[in-house]
Amino acid sequence: GLRFDTYALARGGNAIIPFYRAFIDDHIVSPKNGEASRRLTAAMQ
């Protein structure tokens, strides 16, 4: 939490399975989905 601003054992651990499905199988990840998706898009760019 102090180092990465995420108070958890591992960052993103709870999102691995749904993101994998959404990104690889369903292909529904898009910058139009919301603020988090736009941040991801900017980081990837």
PDB file of all heavy atoms in Angstrom:
ATOM      1  N   GLY A   1       0.816  -1.205   0.000  1.00  0.00           N
ATOM      2  CA  GLY A   1       0.000   0.000   0.000  1.00  0.00           C
ATOM      3  C   GLY A   1       0.850   1.255   0.000  1.00  0.00           C
ATOM      4  O   GLY A   1       0.568   2.214  -0.733  1.00  0.00           O
ATOM      5  N   LEU A   2       1.915   1.266   0.826  1.00  0.00           N
ATOM      6  CA  LEU A   2       2.780   2.438   0.884  1.00  0.00           C
ATOM      7  C   LEU A   2       3.633   2.567  -0.375  1.00  0.00           C
ATOM      8  O   LEU A   2       3.917   3.687  -0.817  1.00  0.00           O
ATOM      9  CB  LEU A   2       3.686   2.342   2.119  1.00  0.00           C
ATOM     10  CG  LEU A   2       2.969   2.366   3.471  1.00  0.00           C
ATOM     11  CD1 LEU A   2       3.957   2.105   4.596  1.00  0.00           C
ATOM     12  CD2 LEU A   2       2.264   3.696   3.677  1.00  0.00           C
ATOM     13  N   ARG A   3       4.016   1.441  -0.939  1.00  0.00           N
ATOM     14  CA  ARG A   3       4.901   1.468  -2.111  1.00  0.00           C
ATOM     15  C   ARG A   3       4.141   1.618  -3.419  1.00  0.00           C
ATOM     16  O   ARG A   3       4.563   2.345  -4.314  1.00  0.00           O
ATOM     17  CB  ARG A   3       5.727   0.163  -2.145  1.00  0.00           C
ATOM     18  CG  ARG A   3       6.694   0.050  -3.311  1.00  0.00           C
ATOM     19  CD  ARG A   3       7.797   1.079  -3.195  1.00  0.00           C
ATOM     20  NE  ARG A   3       8.736   0.946  -4.288  1.00  0.00           N
ATOM     21  CZ  ARG A   3       8.590   1.475  -5.485  1.00  0.00           C
ATOM     22  NH1 ARG A   3       7.498   2.185  -5.746  1.00  0.00           N
ATOM     23  NH2 ARG A   3       9.499   1.328  -6.428  1.00  0.00           N
ATOM     24  N   PHE A   4       3.011   0.902  -3.543  1.00  0.00           N
ATOM     25  CA  PHE A   4       2.297   0.871  -4.823  1.00  0.00           C
ATOM     26  C   PHE A   4       0.873   1.424  -4.745  1.00  0.00           C
ATOM     27  O   PHE A   4       0.129   1.350  -5.717  1.00  0.00           O
ATOM     28  CB  PHE A   4       2.224  -0.571  -5.355  1.00  0.00           C
ATOM     29  CG  PHE A   4       3.572  -1.205  -5.532  1.00  0.00           C
ATOM     30  CD1 PHE A   4       3.964  -2.259  -4.719  1.00  0.00           C
ATOM     31  CD2 PHE A   4       4.446  -0.764  -6.506  1.00  0.00           C
ATOM     32  CE1 PHE A   4       5.204  -2.861  -4.872  1.00  0.00           C
ATOM     33  CE2 PHE A   4       5.686  -1.356  -6.672  1.00  0.00           C
ATOM     34  CZ  PHE A   4       6.070  -2.402  -5.854  1.00  0.00           C
ATOM     35  N   ASP A   5       0.480   1.897  -3.556  1.00  0.00           N
ATOM     36  CA  ASP A   5      -0.868   2.436  -3.362  1.00  0.00           C
ATOM     37  C   ASP A   5      -1.938   1.375  -3.570  1.00  0.00           C
ATOM     38  O   ASP A   5      -3.043   1.670  -4.013  1.00  0.00           O
ATOM     39  CB  ASP A   5      -1.115   3.625  -4.305  1.00  0.00           C
ATOM     40  CG  ASP A   5      -2.303   4.460  -3.843  1.00  0.00           C
ATOM     41  OD1 ASP A   5      -2.570   4.472  -2.632  1.00  0.00           O
ATOM     42  OD2 ASP A   5      -2.969   5.063  -4.692  1.00  0.00           O
ATOM     43  N   THR A   6      -1.591   0.113  -3.276  1.00  0.00           N
ATOM     44  CA  THR A   6      -2.556  -0.984  -3.360  1.00  0.00           C
ATOM     45  C   THR A   6      -2.383  -1.862  -2.121  1.00  0.00           C
ATOM     46  O   THR A   6      -1.393  -2.596  -2.013  1.00  0.00           O
ATOM     47  CB  THR A   6      -2.340  -1.833  -4.622  1.00  0.00           C
ATOM     48  OG1 THR A   6      -2.468  -1.009  -5.775  1.00  0.00           O
ATOM     49  CG2 THR A   6      -3.374  -2.958  -4.691  1.00  0.00           C
ATOM     50  N   TYR A   7      -3.330  -1.783  -1.204  1.00  0.00           N
ATOM     51  CA  TYR A   7      -3.217  -2.541   0.040  1.00  0.00           C
ATOM     52  C   TYR A   7      -3.707  -3.967  -0.184  1.00  0.00           C
ATOM     53  O   TYR A   7      -4.849  -4.308   0.116  1.00  0.00           O
ATOM     54  CB  TYR A   7      -3.995  -1.849   1.155  1.00  0.00           C
ATOM     55  CG  TYR A   7      -3.373  -0.545   1.584  1.00  0.00           C
ATOM     56  CD1 TYR A   7      -3.718   0.655   0.956  1.00  0.00           C
ATOM     57  CD2 TYR A   7      -2.417  -0.510   2.585  1.00  0.00           C
ATOM     58  CE1 TYR A   7      -3.129   1.858   1.337  1.00  0.00           C
ATOM     59  CE2 TYR A   7      -1.821   0.681   2.982  1.00  0.00           C
ATOM     60  CZ  TYR A   7      -2.181   1.860   2.346  1.00  0.00           C
ATOM     61  OH  TYR A   7      -1.590   3.036   2.717  1.00  0.00           O
ATOM     62  N   ALA A   8      -2.834  -4.802  -0.724  1.00  0.00           N
ATOM     63  CA  ALA A   8      -3.161  -6.197  -1.030  1.00  0.00           C
ATOM     64  C   ALA A   8      -1.872  -6.988  -1.089  1.00  0.00           C
ATOM     65  O   ALA A   8      -0.773  -6.418  -1.167  1.00  0.00           O
ATOM     66  CB  ALA A   8      -3.912  -6.295  -2.358  1.00  0.00           C
ATOM     67  N   LEU A   9      -2.007  -8.318  -1.034  1.00  0.00           N
ATOM     68  CA  LEU A   9      -0.820  -9.165  -1.136  1.00  0.00           C
ATOM     69  C   LEU A   9      -0.176  -9.048  -2.505  1.00  0.00           C
ATOM     70  O   LEU A   9       1.044  -9.050  -2.643  1.00  0.00           O
ATOM     71  CB  LEU A   9      -1.188 -10.632  -0.858  1.00  0.00           C
ATOM     72  CG  LEU A   9      -1.497 -11.007   0.578  1.00  0.00           C
ATOM     73  CD1 LEU A   9      -1.846 -12.476   0.672  1.00  0.00           C
ATOM     74  CD2 LEU A   9      -0.318 -10.685   1.484  1.00  0.00           C
ATOM     75  N   ALA A  10      -0.997  -8.989  -3.547  1.00  0.00           N
ATOM     76  CA  ALA A  10      -0.486  -8.888  -4.910  1.00  0.00           C
ATOM     77  C   ALA A  10      -1.400  -7.969  -5.700  1.00  0.00           C
ATOM     78  O   ALA A  10      -2.613  -8.102  -5.643  1.00  0.00           O
ATOM     79  CB  ALA A  10      -0.410 -10.262  -5.560  1.00  0.00           C
ATOM     80  N   ARG A  11      -0.813  -7.067  -6.436  1.00  0.00           N
ATOM     81  CA  ARG A  11      -1.627  -6.132  -7.205  1.00  0.00           C
ATOM     82  C   ARG A  11      -2.279  -6.842  -8.377  1.00  0.00           C
ATOM     83  O   ARG A  11      -1.651  -7.576  -9.118  1.00  0.00           O
ATOM     84  CB  ARG A  11      -0.747  -5.000  -7.734  1.00  0.00           C
ATOM     85  CG  ARG A  11      -0.174  -4.140  -6.619  1.00  0.00           C
ATOM     86  CD  ARG A  11       0.574  -2.956  -7.184  1.00  0.00           C
ATOM     87  NE  ARG A  11       1.671  -3.403  -8.034  1.00  0.00           N
ATOM     88  CZ  ARG A  11       2.052  -2.767  -9.138  1.00  0.00           C
ATOM     89  NH1 ARG A  11       1.405  -1.688  -9.512  1.00  0.00           N
ATOM     90  NH2 ARG A  11       3.061  -3.205  -9.857  1.00  0.00           N
ATOM     91  N   GLY A  12      -3.586  -6.617  -8.531  1.00  0.00           N
ATOM     92  CA  GLY A  12      -4.300  -7.173  -9.670  1.00  0.00           C
ATOM     93  C   GLY A  12      -4.623  -8.643  -9.557  1.00  0.00           C
ATOM     94  O   GLY A  12      -5.153  -9.232 -10.487  1.00  0.00           O
ATOM     95  N   GLY A  13      -4.326  -9.254  -8.417  1.00  0.00           N
ATOM     96  CA  GLY A  13      -4.551 -10.686  -8.298  1.00  0.00           C
ATOM     97  C   GLY A  13      -6.001 -11.098  -8.477  1.00  0.00           C
ATOM     98  O   GLY A  13      -6.291 -12.135  -9.060  1.00  0.00           O
ATOM     99  N   ASN A  14      -6.928 -10.257  -8.017  1.00  0.00           N
ATOM    100  CA  ASN A  14      -8.341 -10.606  -8.122  1.00  0.00           C
ATOM    101  C   ASN A  14      -8.904 -10.364  -9.522  1.00  0.00           C
ATOM    102  O   ASN A  14     -10.024 -10.762  -9.816  1.00  0.00           O
ATOM    103  CB  ASN A  14      -9.155  -9.786  -7.111  1.00  0.00           C
ATOM    104  CG  ASN A  14      -8.822 -10.158  -5.686  1.00  0.00           C
ATOM    105  OD1 ASN A  14      -8.467 -11.286  -5.412  1.00  0.00           O
ATOM    106  ND2 ASN A  14      -8.908  -9.200  -4.774  1.00  0.00           N
ATOM    107  N   ALA A  15      -8.125  -9.701 -10.383  1.00  0.00           N
ATOM    108  CA  ALA A  15      -8.644  -9.352 -11.711  1.00  0.00           C
ATOM    109  C   ALA A  15      -8.062 -10.214 -12.817  1.00  0.00           C
ATOM    110  O   ALA A  15      -8.393 -10.031 -13.977  1.00  0.00           O
ATOM    111  CB  ALA A  15      -8.351  -7.886 -11.999  1.00  0.00           C
ATOM    112  N   ILE A  16      -7.169 -11.143 -12.475  1.00  0.00           N
ATOM    113  CA  ILE A  16      -6.464 -11.905 -13.501  1.00  0.00           C
ATOM    114  C   ILE A  16      -7.427 -12.719 -14.356  1.00  0.00           C
ATOM    115  O   ILE A  16      -7.412 -12.651 -15.584  1.00  0.00           O
ATOM    116  CB  ILE A  16      -5.406 -12.825 -12.853  1.00  0.00           C
ATOM    117  CG1 ILE A  16      -4.256 -11.982 -12.290  1.00  0.00           C
ATOM    118  CG2 ILE A  16      -4.859 -13.797 -13.892  1.00  0.00           C
ATOM    119  CD1 ILE A  16      -3.230 -12.793 -11.552  1.00  0.00           C
ATOM    120  N   ILE A  17      -8.283 -13.511 -13.707  1.00  0.00           N
ATOM    121  CA  ILE A  17      -9.147 -14.422 -14.465  1.00  0.00           C
ATOM    122  C   ILE A  17     -10.181 -13.661 -15.296  1.00  0.00           C
ATOM    123  O   ILE A  17     -10.302 -13.907 -16.501  1.00  0.00           O
ATOM    124  CB  ILE A  17      -9.810 -15.431 -13.520  1.00  0.00           C
ATOM    125  CG1 ILE A  17      -8.740 -16.352 -12.926  1.00  0.00           C
ATOM    126  CG2 ILE A  17     -10.857 -16.254 -14.274  1.00  0.00           C
ATOM    127  CD1 ILE A  17      -9.282 -17.345 -11.940  1.00  0.00           C
ATOM    128  N   PRO A  18     -10.963 -12.712 -14.729  1.00  0.00           N
ATOM    129  CA  PRO A  18     -11.937 -12.011 -15.585  1.00  0.00           C
ATOM    130  C   PRO A  18     -11.274 -11.196 -16.684  1.00  0.00           C
ATOM    131  O   PRO A  18     -11.794 -11.111 -17.797  1.00  0.00           O
ATOM    132  CB  PRO A  18     -12.709 -11.126 -14.605  1.00  0.00           C
ATOM    133  CG  PRO A  18     -11.877 -11.074 -13.378  1.00  0.00           C
ATOM    134  CD  PRO A  18     -11.107 -12.335 -13.322  1.00  0.00           C
ATOM    135  N   PHE A  19     -10.115 -10.565 -16.411  1.00  0.00           N
ATOM    136  CA  PHE A  19      -9.458  -9.792 -17.457  1.00  0.00           C
ATOM    137  C   PHE A  19      -8.957 -10.701 -18.574  1.00  0.00           C
ATOM    138  O   PHE A  19      -9.043 -10.363 -19.759  1.00  0.00           O
ATOM    139  CB  PHE A  19      -8.299  -8.982 -16.877  1.00  0.00           C
ATOM    140  CG  PHE A  19      -7.592  -8.141 -17.910  1.00  0.00           C
ATOM    141  CD1 PHE A  19      -8.144  -6.949 -18.351  1.00  0.00           C
ATOM    142  CD2 PHE A  19      -6.396  -8.556 -18.462  1.00  0.00           C
ATOM    143  CE1 PHE A  19      -7.516  -6.183 -19.310  1.00  0.00           C
ATOM    144  CE2 PHE A  19      -5.752  -7.802 -19.428  1.00  0.00           C
ATOM    145  CZ  PHE A  19      -6.310  -6.606 -19.852  1.00  0.00           C
ATOM    146  N   TYR A  20      -8.428 -11.856 -18.190  1.00  0.00           N
ATOM    147  CA  TYR A  20      -7.957 -12.823 -19.195  1.00  0.00           C
ATOM    148  C   TYR A  20      -9.096 -13.201 -20.133  1.00  0.00           C
ATOM    149  O   TYR A  20      -8.948 -13.209 -21.357  1.00  0.00           O
ATOM    150  CB  TYR A  20      -7.424 -14.066 -18.478  1.00  0.00           C
ATOM    151  CG  TYR A  20      -6.865 -15.135 -19.406  1.00  0.00           C
ATOM    152  CD1 TYR A  20      -5.509 -15.202 -19.668  1.00  0.00           C
ATOM    153  CD2 TYR A  20      -7.703 -16.084 -19.990  1.00  0.00           C
ATOM    154  CE1 TYR A  20      -4.985 -16.174 -20.502  1.00  0.00           C
ATOM    155  CE2 TYR A  20      -7.195 -17.052 -20.836  1.00  0.00           C
ATOM    156  CZ  TYR A  20      -5.836 -17.098 -21.081  1.00  0.00           C
ATOM    157  OH  TYR A  20      -5.341 -18.066 -21.921  1.00  0.00           O
ATOM    158  N   ARG A  21     -10.247 -13.501 -19.550  1.00  0.00           N
ATOM    159  CA  ARG A  21     -11.405 -13.890 -20.356  1.00  0.00           C
ATOM    160  C   ARG A  21     -11.880 -12.730 -21.230  1.00  0.00           C
ATOM    161  O   ARG A  21     -12.158 -12.897 -22.430  1.00  0.00           O
ATOM    162  CB  ARG A  21     -12.536 -14.357 -19.428  1.00  0.00           C
ATOM    163  CG  ARG A  21     -13.855 -14.643 -20.125  1.00  0.00           C
ATOM    164  CD  ARG A  21     -13.746 -15.845 -21.048  1.00  0.00           C
ATOM    165  NE  ARG A  21     -14.997 -16.077 -21.750  1.00  0.00           N
ATOM    166  CZ  ARG A  21     -15.961 -16.898 -21.314  1.00  0.00           C
ATOM    167  NH1 ARG A  21     -15.808 -17.540 -20.169  1.00  0.00           N
ATOM    168  NH2 ARG A  21     -17.051 -17.071 -22.011  1.00  0.00           N
ATOM    169  N   ALA A  22     -11.952 -11.541 -20.635  1.00  0.00           N
ATOM    170  CA  ALA A  22     -12.445 -10.383 -21.382  1.00  0.00           C
ATOM    171  C   ALA A  22     -11.499  -9.975 -22.501  1.00  0.00           C
ATOM    172  O   ALA A  22     -11.942  -9.564 -23.579  1.00  0.00           O
ATOM    173  CB  ALA A  22     -12.668  -9.209 -20.432  1.00  0.00           C
ATOM    174  N   PHE A  23     -10.200 -10.113 -22.263  1.00  0.00           N
ATOM    175  CA  PHE A  23      -9.217  -9.640 -23.232  1.00  0.00           C
ATOM    176  C   PHE A  23      -8.923 -10.675 -24.314  1.00  0.00           C
ATOM    177  O   PHE A  23      -8.876 -10.347 -25.507  1.00  0.00           O
ATOM    178  CB  PHE A  23      -7.920  -9.264 -22.507  1.00  0.00           C
ATOM    179  CG  PHE A  23      -6.866  -8.663 -23.401  1.00  0.00           C
ATOM    180  CD1 PHE A  23      -6.983  -7.369 -23.868  1.00  0.00           C
ATOM    181  CD2 PHE A  23      -5.751  -9.403 -23.779  1.00  0.00           C
ATOM    182  CE1 PHE A  23      -6.024  -6.811 -24.692  1.00  0.00           C
ATOM    183  CE2 PHE A  23      -4.784  -8.857 -24.606  1.00  0.00           C
ATOM    184  CZ  PHE A  23      -4.922  -7.561 -25.060  1.00  0.00           C
ATOM    185  N   ILE A  24      -8.743 -11.935 -23.917  1.00  0.00           N
ATOM    186  CA  ILE A  24      -8.298 -12.963 -24.867  1.00  0.00           C
ATOM    187  C   ILE A  24      -9.461 -13.708 -25.515  1.00  0.00           C
ATOM    188  O   ILE A  24      -9.448 -13.984 -26.722  1.00  0.00           O
ATOM    189  CB  ILE A  24      -7.349 -13.957 -24.164  1.00  0.00           C
ATOM    190  CG1 ILE A  24      -6.057 -13.242 -23.766  1.00  0.00           C
ATOM    191  CG2 ILE A  24      -7.031 -15.151 -25.064  1.00  0.00           C
ATOM    192  CD1 ILE A  24      -5.036 -14.133 -23.109  1.00  0.00           C
ATOM    193  N   ASP A  25     -10.481 -14.041 -24.748  1.00  0.00           N
ATOM    194  CA  ASP A  25     -11.578 -14.854 -25.286  1.00  0.00           C
ATOM    195  C   ASP A  25     -12.722 -14.008 -25.860  1.00  0.00           C
ATOM    196  O   ASP A  25     -13.176 -14.242 -26.983  1.00  0.00           O
ATOM    197  CB  ASP A  25     -12.127 -15.786 -24.200  1.00  0.00           C
ATOM    198  CG  ASP A  25     -11.111 -16.847 -23.802  1.00  0.00           C
ATOM    199  OD1 ASP A  25     -10.221 -17.141 -24.619  1.00  0.00           O
ATOM    200  OD2 ASP A  25     -11.207 -17.365 -22.676  1.00  0.00           O
ATOM    201  N   ASP A  26     -13.185 -13.043 -25.088  1.00  0.00           N
ATOM    202  CA  ASP A  26     -14.362 -12.280 -25.501  1.00  0.00           C
ATOM    203  C   ASP A  26     -14.017 -11.020 -26.301  1.00  0.00           C
ATOM    204  O   ASP A  26     -14.891 -10.486 -27.009  1.00  0.00           O
ATOM    205  CB  ASP A  26     -15.187 -11.882 -24.276  1.00  0.00           C
ATOM    206  CG  ASP A  26     -15.733 -13.104 -23.546  1.00  0.00           C
ATOM    207  OD1 ASP A  26     -15.905 -14.142 -24.201  1.00  0.00           O
ATOM    208  OD2 ASP A  26     -15.963 -13.004 -22.336  1.00  0.00           O
ATOM    209  N   HIS A  27     -12.777 -10.526 -26.169  1.00  0.00           N
ATOM    210  CA  HIS A  27     -12.329  -9.332 -26.904  1.00  0.00           C
ATOM    211  C   HIS A  27     -13.264  -8.139 -26.669  1.00  0.00           C
ATOM    212  O   HIS A  27     -13.690  -7.478 -27.615  1.00  0.00           O
ATOM    213  CB  HIS A  27     -12.227  -9.626 -28.406  1.00  0.00           C
ATOM    214  CG  HIS A  27     -11.364 -10.802 -28.740  1.00  0.00           C
ATOM    215  ND1 HIS A  27      -9.989 -10.797 -28.569  1.00  0.00           N
ATOM    216  CD2 HIS A  27     -11.677 -12.035 -29.210  1.00  0.00           C
ATOM    217  CE1 HIS A  27      -9.491 -11.969 -28.941  1.00  0.00           C
ATOM    218  NE2 HIS A  27     -10.493 -12.737 -29.322  1.00  0.00           N
ATOM    219  N   ILE A  28     -13.577  -7.895 -25.418  1.00  0.00           N
ATOM    220  CA  ILE A  28     -14.487  -6.794 -25.099  1.00  0.00           C
ATOM    221  C   ILE A  28     -13.777  -5.662 -24.355  1.00  0.00           C
ATOM    222  O   ILE A  28     -14.427  -4.713 -23.920  1.00  0.00           O
ATOM    223  CB  ILE A  28     -15.681  -7.290 -24.257  1.00  0.00           C
ATOM    224  CG1 ILE A  28     -15.201  -7.961 -22.962  1.00  0.00           C
ATOM    225  CG2 ILE A  28     -16.548  -8.247 -25.062  1.00  0.00           C
ATOM    226  CD1 ILE A  28     -16.329  -8.371 -22.039  1.00  0.00           C
ATOM    227  N   VAL A  29     -12.448  -5.756 -24.205  1.00  0.00           N
ATOM    228  CA  VAL A  29     -11.700  -4.667 -23.592  1.00  0.00           C
ATOM    229  C   VAL A  29     -11.551  -3.544 -24.613  1.00  0.00           C
ATOM    230  O   VAL A  29     -11.124  -3.773 -25.745  1.00  0.00           O
ATOM    231  CB  VAL A  29     -10.326  -5.139 -23.115  1.00  0.00           C
ATOM    232  CG1 VAL A  29      -9.527  -3.977 -22.528  1.00  0.00           C
ATOM    233  CG2 VAL A  29     -10.476  -6.245 -22.078  1.00  0.00           C
ATOM    234  N   SER A  30     -11.899  -2.339 -24.214  1.00  0.00           N
ATOM    235  CA  SER A  30     -11.874  -1.205 -25.140  1.00  0.00           C
ATOM    236  C   SER A  30     -11.703   0.077 -24.354  1.00  0.00           C
ATOM    237  O   SER A  30     -12.192   0.197 -23.215  1.00  0.00           O
ATOM    238  CB  SER A  30     -13.187  -1.146 -25.941  1.00  0.00           C
ATOM    239  OG  SER A  30     -13.296   0.076 -26.631  1.00  0.00           O
ATOM    240  N   PRO A  31     -10.997   1.072 -24.925  1.00  0.00           N
ATOM    241  CA  PRO A  31     -10.854   2.365 -24.235  1.00  0.00           C
ATOM    242  C   PRO A  31     -12.188   3.059 -24.013  1.00  0.00           C
ATOM    243  O   PRO A  31     -12.274   3.997 -23.218  1.00  0.00           O
ATOM    244  CB  PRO A  31      -9.946   3.170 -25.172  1.00  0.00           C
ATOM    245  CG  PRO A  31     -10.000   2.470 -26.483  1.00  0.00           C
ATOM    246  CD  PRO A  31     -10.254   1.029 -26.191  1.00  0.00           C
ATOM    247  N   LYS A  32     -13.233   2.609 -24.677  1.00  0.00           N
ATOM    248  CA  LYS A  32     -14.550   3.212 -24.503  1.00  0.00           C
ATOM    249  C   LYS A  32     -15.267   2.705 -23.251  1.00  0.00           C
ATOM    250  O   LYS A  32     -16.341   3.212 -22.905  1.00  0.00           O
ATOM    251  CB  LYS A  32     -15.422   2.923 -25.718  1.00  0.00           C
ATOM    252  CG  LYS A  32     -14.853   3.447 -27.039  1.00  0.00           C
ATOM    253  CD  LYS A  32     -15.747   3.054 -28.203  1.00  0.00           C
ATOM    254  CE  LYS A  32     -15.180   3.546 -29.527  1.00  0.00           C
ATOM    255  NZ  LYS A  32     -16.024   3.144 -30.681  1.00  0.00           N
ATOM    256  N   ASN A  33     -14.664   1.705 -22.577  1.00  0.00           N
ATOM    257  CA  ASN A  33     -15.358   1.073 -21.446  1.00  0.00           C
ATOM    258  C   ASN A  33     -15.414   1.949 -20.200  1.00  0.00           C
ATOM    259  O   ASN A  33     -16.280   1.764 -19.359  1.00  0.00           O
ATOM    260  CB  ASN A  33     -14.697  -0.257 -21.098  1.00  0.00           C
ATOM    261  CG  ASN A  33     -14.921  -1.305 -22.181  1.00  0.00           C
ATOM    262  OD1 ASN A  33     -15.767  -1.135 -23.045  1.00  0.00           O
ATOM    263  ND2 ASN A  33     -14.154  -2.376 -22.123  1.00  0.00           N
ATOM    264  N   GLY A  34     -14.451   2.850 -20.061  1.00  0.00           N
ATOM    265  CA  GLY A  34     -14.443   3.666 -18.855  1.00  0.00           C
ATOM    266  C   GLY A  34     -13.064   4.212 -18.560  1.00  0.00           C
ATOM    267  O   GLY A  34     -12.115   4.044 -19.331  1.00  0.00           O
ATOM    268  N   GLU A  35     -12.941   4.865 -17.397  1.00  0.00           N
ATOM    269  CA  GLU A  35     -11.706   5.537 -17.032  1.00  0.00           C
ATOM    270  C   GLU A  35     -10.542   4.555 -16.903  1.00  0.00           C
ATOM    271  O   GLU A  35      -9.429   4.837 -17.363  1.00  0.00           O
ATOM    272  CB  GLU A  35     -11.905   6.301 -15.719  1.00  0.00           C
ATOM    273  CG  GLU A  35     -10.650   6.998 -15.202  1.00  0.00           C
ATOM    274  CD  GLU A  35     -10.108   8.032 -16.187  1.00  0.00           C
ATOM    275  OE1 GLU A  35     -10.911   8.589 -16.971  1.00  0.00           O
ATOM    276  OE2 GLU A  35      -8.889   8.276 -16.163  1.00  0.00           O
ATOM    277  N   ALA A  36     -10.771   3.415 -16.248  1.00  0.00           N
ATOM    278  CA  ALA A  36      -9.688   2.442 -16.083  1.00  0.00           C
ATOM    279  C   ALA A  36      -9.196   1.928 -17.431  1.00  0.00           C
ATOM    280  O   ALA A  36      -7.990   1.750 -17.643  1.00  0.00           O
ATOM    281  CB  ALA A  36     -10.167   1.282 -15.214  1.00  0.00           C
ATOM    282  N   SER A  37     -10.116   1.699 -18.355  1.00  0.00           N
ATOM    283  CA  SER A  37      -9.732   1.227 -19.687  1.00  0.00           C
ATOM    284  C   SER A  37      -8.955   2.298 -20.444  1.00  0.00           C
ATOM    285  O   SER A  37      -8.025   1.991 -21.202  1.00  0.00           O
ATOM    286  CB  SER A  37     -10.972   0.809 -20.480  1.00  0.00           C
ATOM    287  OG  SER A  37     -11.620  -0.277 -19.860  1.00  0.00           O
ATOM    288  N   ARG A  38      -9.322   3.549 -20.251  1.00  0.00           N
ATOM    289  CA  ARG A  38      -8.587   4.633 -20.907  1.00  0.00           C
ATOM    290  C   ARG A  38      -7.178   4.767 -20.338  1.00  0.00           C
ATOM    291  O   ARG A  38      -6.222   5.045 -21.076  1.00  0.00           O
ATOM    292  CB  ARG A  38      -9.360   5.951 -20.763  1.00  0.00           C
ATOM    293  CG  ARG A  38     -10.604   6.036 -21.653  1.00  0.00           C
ATOM    294  CD  ARG A  38     -11.176   7.442 -21.676  1.00  0.00           C
ATOM    295  NE  ARG A  38     -11.786   7.804 -20.402  1.00  0.00           N
ATOM    296  CZ  ARG A  38     -13.054   7.553 -20.099  1.00  0.00           C
ATOM    297  NH1 ARG A  38     -13.838   6.946 -20.965  1.00  0.00           N
ATOM    298  NH2 ARG A  38     -13.544   7.919 -18.923  1.00  0.00           N
ATOM    299  N   ARG A  39      -7.037   4.550 -19.035  1.00  0.00           N
ATOM    300  CA  ARG A  39      -5.699   4.575 -18.433  1.00  0.00           C
ATOM    301  C   ARG A  39      -4.856   3.434 -18.970  1.00  0.00           C
ATOM    302  O   ARG A  39      -3.664   3.618 -19.251  1.00  0.00           O
ATOM    303  CB  ARG A  39      -5.813   4.471 -16.909  1.00  0.00           C
ATOM    304  CG  ARG A  39      -6.364   5.717 -16.224  1.00  0.00           C
ATOM    305  CD  ARG A  39      -6.488   5.495 -14.731  1.00  0.00           C
ATOM    306  NE  ARG A  39      -5.205   5.105 -14.156  1.00  0.00           N
ATOM    307  CZ  ARG A  39      -5.073   4.508 -12.970  1.00  0.00           C
ATOM    308  NH1 ARG A  39      -6.162   4.221 -12.252  1.00  0.00           N
ATOM    309  NH2 ARG A  39      -3.888   4.210 -12.503  1.00  0.00           N
ATOM    310  N   LEU A  40      -5.452   2.259 -19.110  1.00  0.00           N
ATOM    311  CA  LEU A  40      -4.731   1.114 -19.673  1.00  0.00           C
ATOM    312  C   LEU A  40      -4.300   1.415 -21.105  1.00  0.00           C
ATOM    313  O   LEU A  40      -3.164   1.133 -21.511  1.00  0.00           O
ATOM    314  CB  LEU A  40      -5.613  -0.131 -19.636  1.00  0.00           C
ATOM    315  CG  LEU A  40      -5.058  -1.365 -20.353  1.00  0.00           C
ATOM    316  CD1 LEU A  40      -3.783  -1.851 -19.678  1.00  0.00           C
ATOM    317  CD2 LEU A  40      -6.097  -2.480 -20.381  1.00  0.00           C
ATOM    318  N   THR A  41      -5.202   1.982 -21.883  1.00  0.00           N
ATOM    319  CA  THR A  41      -4.894   2.309 -23.270  1.00  0.00           C
ATOM    320  C   THR A  41      -3.737   3.299 -23.366  1.00  0.00           C
ATOM    321  O   THR A  41      -2.818   3.129 -24.187  1.00  0.00           O
ATOM    322  CB  THR A  41      -6.135   2.904 -23.958  1.00  0.00           C
ATOM    323  OG1 THR A  41      -7.213   1.966 -23.878  1.00  0.00           O
ATOM    324  CG2 THR A  41      -5.846   3.219 -25.409  1.00  0.00           C
ATOM    325  N   ALA A  42      -3.756   4.317 -22.535  1.00  0.00           N
ATOM    326  CA  ALA A  42      -2.689   5.314 -22.555  1.00  0.00           C
ATOM    327  C   ALA A  42      -1.348   4.687 -22.175  1.00  0.00           C
ATOM    328  O   ALA A  42      -0.310   4.988 -22.781  1.00  0.00           O
ATOM    329  CB  ALA A  42      -3.037   6.459 -21.609  1.00  0.00           C
ATOM    330  N   ALA A  43      -1.361   3.803 -21.182  1.00  0.00           N
ATOM    331  CA  ALA A  43      -0.128   3.140 -20.761  1.00  0.00           C
ATOM    332  C   ALA A  43       0.406   2.236 -21.866  1.00  0.00           C
ATOM    333  O   ALA A  43       1.623   2.175 -22.112  1.00  0.00           O
ATOM    334  CB  ALA A  43      -0.378   2.343 -19.489  1.00  0.00           C
ATOM    335  N   MET A  44      -0.478   1.513 -22.541  1.00  0.00           N
ATOM    336  CA  MET A  44      -0.059   0.638 -23.634  1.00  0.00           C
ATOM    337  C   MET A  44       0.508   1.452 -24.797  1.00  0.00           C
ATOM    338  O   MET A  44       1.502   1.061 -25.422  1.00  0.00           O
ATOM    339  CB  MET A  44      -1.235  -0.216 -24.096  1.00  0.00           C
ATOM    340  CG  MET A  44      -1.695  -1.229 -23.059  1.00  0.00           C
ATOM    341  SD  MET A  44      -3.292  -1.990 -23.433  1.00  0.00           S
ATOM    342  CE  MET A  44      -2.891  -2.914 -24.904  1.00  0.00           C
ATOM    343  N   GLN A  45      -0.127   2.576 -25.102  1.00  0.00           N
ATOM    344  CA  GLN A  45       0.337   3.436 -26.191  1.00  0.00           C
ATOM    345  C   GLN A  45       1.730   3.997 -25.897  1.00  0.00           C
ATOM    346  O   GLN A  45       2.593   4.052 -26.771  1.00  0.00           O
ATOM    347  CB  GLN A  45      -0.648   4.576 -26.388  1.00  0.00           C
ATOM    348  CG  GLN A  45      -0.268   5.547 -27.505  1.00  0.00           C
ATOM    349  CD  GLN A  45      -0.512   4.944 -28.878  1.00  0.00           C
ATOM    350  OE1 GLN A  45      -1.643   4.593 -29.213  1.00  0.00           O
ATOM    351  NE2 GLN A  45       0.538   4.818 -29.670  1.00  0.00           N
TER     352      GLN A  45
END
